[in-house]
Amino acid sequence: MYLLIAASGQLSLEDSDNMRAFSIIEEESGLAATRLATIATPAEEQHYWLDADAVVELSGRKDDQQWVEGFWDMLAKVEAYGYSDMEKNRVKAHVDLA
């Protein structure tokens, strides 16, 4: 799954059934810093910490209990690798250009 930052600045969660990958994709370079300011904080090079609840909201599937549980299970599994922080309710993703 990936968080798409459209050229218009709109955010959407795409490929949301893919619980094996998570990234941020910009349609135009440089959009992440301004568009993610309300739901994320910068991490190391080309990475951001995203509020996990905001990701669930963007999915449009917050009422789909099976999807929500799968999302949280994915975050729990990658915490050992530094890609989520369950205590702070966040997930880390790298930014790629579309």
N, C-alpha and C. Protein backbone atom coordinates (compact mmCIF):
# COMPACT_ATOMS: atom_id res chain seq x y z
N MET A 1 0.84 -1.16 0.00
CA MET A 1 0.00 0.00 0.00
C MET A 1 0.89 1.23 0.00
N TYR A 2 0.34 2.33 -0.46
CA TYR A 2 1.11 3.56 -0.47
C TYR A 2 0.19 4.76 -0.30
N LEU A 3 0.76 5.78 0.31
CA LEU A 3 0.08 7.06 0.46
C LEU A 3 0.46 7.90 -0.75
N LEU A 4 -0.51 8.20 -1.57
CA LEU A 4 -0.27 9.00 -2.78
C LEU A 4 -0.49 10.47 -2.48
N ILE A 5 0.51 11.27 -2.84
CA ILE A 5 0.35 12.73 -2.78
C ILE A 5 0.22 13.19 -4.22
N ALA A 6 -1.01 13.50 -4.62
CA ALA A 6 -1.30 13.91 -5.99
C ALA A 6 -0.70 15.28 -6.27
N ALA A 7 -0.52 15.58 -7.53
CA ALA A 7 0.01 16.89 -7.93
C ALA A 7 -0.85 18.02 -7.38
N SER A 8 -2.14 17.76 -7.21
CA SER A 8 -3.07 18.76 -6.64
C SER A 8 -2.86 18.94 -5.14
N GLY A 9 -2.11 18.03 -4.52
CA GLY A 9 -1.87 18.08 -3.09
C GLY A 9 -2.78 17.13 -2.31
N GLN A 10 -3.75 16.53 -2.97
CA GLN A 10 -4.67 15.62 -2.29
C GLN A 10 -3.96 14.35 -1.87
N LEU A 11 -4.30 13.85 -0.68
CA LEU A 11 -3.74 12.61 -0.15
C LEU A 11 -4.75 11.49 -0.31
N SER A 12 -4.27 10.31 -0.68
CA SER A 12 -5.14 9.14 -0.74
C SER A 12 -4.30 7.89 -0.47
N LEU A 13 -4.93 6.89 0.11
CA LEU A 13 -4.24 5.63 0.35
C LEU A 13 -4.61 4.68 -0.78
N GLU A 14 -3.61 4.18 -1.48
CA GLU A 14 -3.80 3.33 -2.65
C GLU A 14 -3.28 1.92 -2.37
N ASP A 15 -3.79 0.95 -3.13
CA ASP A 15 -3.36 -0.44 -3.00
C ASP A 15 -3.47 -0.90 -1.54
N SER A 16 -4.58 -0.53 -0.91
CA SER A 16 -4.73 -0.72 0.54
C SER A 16 -4.82 -2.18 0.99
N ASP A 17 -5.03 -3.10 0.07
CA ASP A 17 -5.05 -4.51 0.46
C ASP A 17 -3.65 -5.12 0.52
N ASN A 18 -2.66 -4.41 0.05
CA ASN A 18 -1.28 -4.89 0.09
C ASN A 18 -0.67 -4.59 1.46
N MET A 19 -0.74 -5.55 2.34
CA MET A 19 -0.23 -5.37 3.71
C MET A 19 1.25 -5.78 3.82
N ARG A 20 1.93 -5.91 2.69
CA ARG A 20 3.33 -6.32 2.70
C ARG A 20 4.28 -5.17 2.40
N ALA A 21 3.74 -4.00 2.09
CA ALA A 21 4.59 -2.85 1.75
C ALA A 21 3.87 -1.57 2.13
N PHE A 22 4.64 -0.55 2.45
CA PHE A 22 4.05 0.75 2.74
C PHE A 22 5.05 1.83 2.36
N SER A 23 4.62 2.80 1.57
CA SER A 23 5.48 3.90 1.18
C SER A 23 4.65 5.14 0.89
N ILE A 24 5.34 6.21 0.58
CA ILE A 24 4.71 7.47 0.19
C ILE A 24 5.16 7.74 -1.24
N ILE A 25 4.22 8.07 -2.11
CA ILE A 25 4.55 8.37 -3.50
C ILE A 25 4.08 9.79 -3.82
N GLU A 26 4.99 10.59 -4.33
CA GLU A 26 4.67 11.95 -4.77
C GLU A 26 4.50 11.96 -6.29
N GLU A 27 3.45 12.58 -6.76
CA GLU A 27 3.32 12.75 -8.21
C GLU A 27 4.27 13.82 -8.72
N GLU A 28 4.60 14.77 -7.87
CA GLU A 28 5.60 15.81 -8.19
C GLU A 28 6.56 15.93 -7.02
N SER A 29 7.82 16.08 -7.30
CA SER A 29 8.84 16.18 -6.27
C SER A 29 8.61 17.39 -5.35
N GLY A 30 8.83 17.16 -4.06
CA GLY A 30 8.76 18.24 -3.09
C GLY A 30 7.41 18.44 -2.43
N LEU A 31 6.43 17.63 -2.73
CA LEU A 31 5.09 17.80 -2.15
C LEU A 31 5.00 17.32 -0.71
N ALA A 32 5.80 16.35 -0.34
CA ALA A 32 5.66 15.72 0.96
C ALA A 32 5.80 16.70 2.13
N ALA A 33 6.79 17.54 2.09
CA ALA A 33 7.05 18.43 3.23
C ALA A 33 5.84 19.28 3.61
N THR A 34 5.14 19.81 2.63
CA THR A 34 4.00 20.66 2.96
C THR A 34 2.72 19.87 3.16
N ARG A 35 2.47 18.86 2.36
CA ARG A 35 1.20 18.12 2.42
C ARG A 35 1.11 17.17 3.60
N LEU A 36 2.23 16.73 4.11
CA LEU A 36 2.21 15.79 5.23
C LEU A 36 2.34 16.48 6.59
N ALA A 37 2.47 17.78 6.60
CA ALA A 37 2.73 18.51 7.84
C ALA A 37 1.70 18.25 8.94
N THR A 38 0.46 18.00 8.58
CA THR A 38 -0.57 17.81 9.61
C THR A 38 -0.68 16.36 10.10
N ILE A 39 -0.11 15.41 9.37
CA ILE A 39 -0.24 14.01 9.77
C ILE A 39 1.09 13.29 9.93
N ALA A 40 2.20 14.00 9.75
CA ALA A 40 3.50 13.33 9.79
C ALA A 40 4.59 14.27 10.27
N THR A 41 5.69 13.66 10.68
CA THR A 41 6.89 14.42 11.02
C THR A 41 8.06 13.81 10.24
N PRO A 42 8.97 14.66 9.80
CA PRO A 42 10.12 14.15 9.05
C PRO A 42 10.97 13.22 9.91
N ALA A 43 11.52 12.20 9.28
CA ALA A 43 12.48 11.30 9.92
C ALA A 43 13.79 11.47 9.16
N GLU A 44 14.60 10.43 9.11
CA GLU A 44 15.85 10.53 8.36
C GLU A 44 15.57 10.66 6.88
N GLU A 45 16.61 10.77 6.09
CA GLU A 45 16.53 11.04 4.65
C GLU A 45 15.32 10.40 3.97
N GLN A 46 14.49 11.23 3.38
CA GLN A 46 13.35 10.80 2.57
C GLN A 46 12.38 9.86 3.28
N HIS A 47 12.28 9.96 4.60
CA HIS A 47 11.33 9.19 5.39
C HIS A 47 10.49 10.12 6.25
N TYR A 48 9.28 9.66 6.55
CA TYR A 48 8.37 10.39 7.44
C TYR A 48 7.72 9.43 8.41
N TRP A 49 7.46 9.92 9.62
CA TRP A 49 6.64 9.20 10.58
C TRP A 49 5.21 9.70 10.40
N LEU A 50 4.31 8.80 10.02
CA LEU A 50 2.91 9.14 9.80
C LEU A 50 2.06 8.69 10.97
N ASP A 51 1.09 9.51 11.33
CA ASP A 51 0.11 9.13 12.34
C ASP A 51 -0.69 7.94 11.80
N ALA A 52 -0.65 6.81 12.49
CA ALA A 52 -1.31 5.60 12.00
C ALA A 52 -2.82 5.77 11.90
N ASP A 53 -3.43 6.51 12.82
CA ASP A 53 -4.87 6.74 12.74
C ASP A 53 -5.23 7.56 11.51
N ALA A 54 -4.37 8.49 11.12
CA ALA A 54 -4.61 9.27 9.91
C ALA A 54 -4.56 8.38 8.68
N VAL A 55 -3.66 7.40 8.69
CA VAL A 55 -3.58 6.46 7.57
C VAL A 55 -4.88 5.65 7.48
N VAL A 56 -5.39 5.21 8.61
CA VAL A 56 -6.64 4.46 8.63
C VAL A 56 -7.77 5.34 8.07
N GLU A 57 -7.82 6.60 8.47
CA GLU A 57 -8.83 7.53 7.95
C GLU A 57 -8.73 7.66 6.43
N LEU A 58 -7.52 7.81 5.93
CA LEU A 58 -7.31 7.96 4.49
C LEU A 58 -7.68 6.70 3.71
N SER A 59 -7.68 5.58 4.38
CA SER A 59 -8.00 4.32 3.70
C SER A 59 -9.47 4.25 3.29
N GLY A 60 -10.33 4.98 3.98
CA GLY A 60 -11.76 4.88 3.73
C GLY A 60 -12.33 3.57 4.25
N ARG A 61 -11.54 2.86 5.05
CA ARG A 61 -11.96 1.53 5.52
C ARG A 61 -11.95 1.43 7.04
N LYS A 62 -12.09 2.56 7.71
CA LYS A 62 -12.03 2.54 9.17
C LYS A 62 -13.13 1.71 9.81
N ASP A 63 -14.22 1.45 9.08
CA ASP A 63 -15.30 0.63 9.60
C ASP A 63 -15.18 -0.84 9.19
N ASP A 64 -14.14 -1.18 8.46
CA ASP A 64 -13.87 -2.55 8.03
C ASP A 64 -12.93 -3.17 9.07
N GLN A 65 -13.51 -3.83 10.07
CA GLN A 65 -12.74 -4.35 11.20
C GLN A 65 -11.62 -5.28 10.76
N GLN A 66 -11.86 -6.11 9.76
CA GLN A 66 -10.83 -7.03 9.29
C GLN A 66 -9.65 -6.26 8.69
N TRP A 67 -9.93 -5.22 7.91
CA TRP A 67 -8.84 -4.44 7.31
C TRP A 67 -8.07 -3.71 8.41
N VAL A 68 -8.78 -3.09 9.35
CA VAL A 68 -8.13 -2.34 10.43
C VAL A 68 -7.23 -3.26 11.25
N GLU A 69 -7.72 -4.45 11.58
CA GLU A 69 -6.90 -5.41 12.32
C GLU A 69 -5.67 -5.82 11.52
N GLY A 70 -5.84 -6.03 10.21
CA GLY A 70 -4.71 -6.37 9.36
C GLY A 70 -3.67 -5.26 9.31
N PHE A 71 -4.14 -4.02 9.26
CA PHE A 71 -3.23 -2.88 9.24
C PHE A 71 -2.40 -2.83 10.53
N TRP A 72 -3.08 -2.96 11.67
CA TRP A 72 -2.37 -2.91 12.95
C TRP A 72 -1.44 -4.11 13.11
N ASP A 73 -1.84 -5.27 12.60
CA ASP A 73 -0.95 -6.44 12.63
C ASP A 73 0.31 -6.17 11.81
N MET A 74 0.13 -5.53 10.64
CA MET A 74 1.28 -5.19 9.81
C MET A 74 2.23 -4.28 10.59
N LEU A 75 1.69 -3.27 11.26
CA LEU A 75 2.54 -2.35 12.03
C LEU A 75 3.27 -3.07 13.16
N ALA A 76 2.58 -3.98 13.83
CA ALA A 76 3.21 -4.73 14.91
C ALA A 76 4.38 -5.57 14.39
N LYS A 77 4.21 -6.15 13.22
CA LYS A 77 5.26 -7.00 12.64
C LYS A 77 6.51 -6.22 12.23
N VAL A 78 6.34 -4.98 11.80
CA VAL A 78 7.50 -4.22 11.33
C VAL A 78 8.13 -3.34 12.42
N GLU A 79 7.54 -3.35 13.60
CA GLU A 79 8.10 -2.54 14.68
C GLU A 79 9.53 -2.95 15.01
N ALA A 80 9.80 -4.23 15.01
CA ALA A 80 11.16 -4.72 15.31
C ALA A 80 12.20 -4.20 14.33
N TYR A 81 11.77 -3.80 13.14
CA TYR A 81 12.68 -3.30 12.10
C TYR A 81 12.73 -1.77 12.07
N GLY A 82 12.01 -1.12 12.99
CA GLY A 82 12.05 0.34 13.08
C GLY A 82 11.08 1.07 12.17
N TYR A 83 10.11 0.34 11.59
CA TYR A 83 9.17 0.99 10.68
C TYR A 83 7.82 1.30 11.30
N SER A 84 7.67 1.02 12.57
CA SER A 84 6.49 1.48 13.29
C SER A 84 6.87 1.70 14.74
N ASP A 85 6.07 2.48 15.40
CA ASP A 85 6.24 2.74 16.83
C ASP A 85 4.84 2.63 17.42
N MET A 86 4.53 1.47 17.97
CA MET A 86 3.19 1.20 18.46
C MET A 86 2.84 2.09 19.66
N GLU A 87 3.83 2.42 20.47
CA GLU A 87 3.59 3.28 21.63
C GLU A 87 3.17 4.69 21.20
N LYS A 88 3.78 5.19 20.13
CA LYS A 88 3.47 6.54 19.64
C LYS A 88 2.44 6.53 18.52
N ASN A 89 1.96 5.31 18.17
CA ASN A 89 0.88 5.19 17.17
C ASN A 89 1.28 5.78 15.82
N ARG A 90 2.44 5.33 15.31
CA ARG A 90 2.91 5.88 14.04
C ARG A 90 3.62 4.82 13.21
N VAL A 91 3.70 5.12 11.91
CA VAL A 91 4.35 4.23 10.96
C VAL A 91 5.33 5.06 10.13
N LYS A 92 6.48 4.47 9.82
CA LYS A 92 7.50 5.18 9.04
C LYS A 92 7.47 4.70 7.61
N ALA A 93 7.58 5.64 6.68
CA ALA A 93 7.59 5.30 5.25
C ALA A 93 8.57 6.20 4.52
N HIS A 94 9.10 5.66 3.43
CA HIS A 94 10.01 6.43 2.58
C HIS A 94 9.21 7.08 1.45
N VAL A 95 9.74 8.16 0.93
CA VAL A 95 9.11 8.91 -0.15
C VAL A 95 9.77 8.56 -1.48
N ASP A 96 8.93 8.23 -2.46
CA ASP A 96 9.39 7.96 -3.82
C ASP A 96 8.66 8.90 -4.76
N LEU A 97 9.25 9.17 -5.88
CA LEU A 97 8.62 9.97 -6.91
C LEU A 97 7.92 9.03 -7.90
N ALA A 98 6.69 9.36 -8.25
CA ALA A 98 5.93 8.52 -9.17
C ALA A 98 6.60 8.44 -10.52
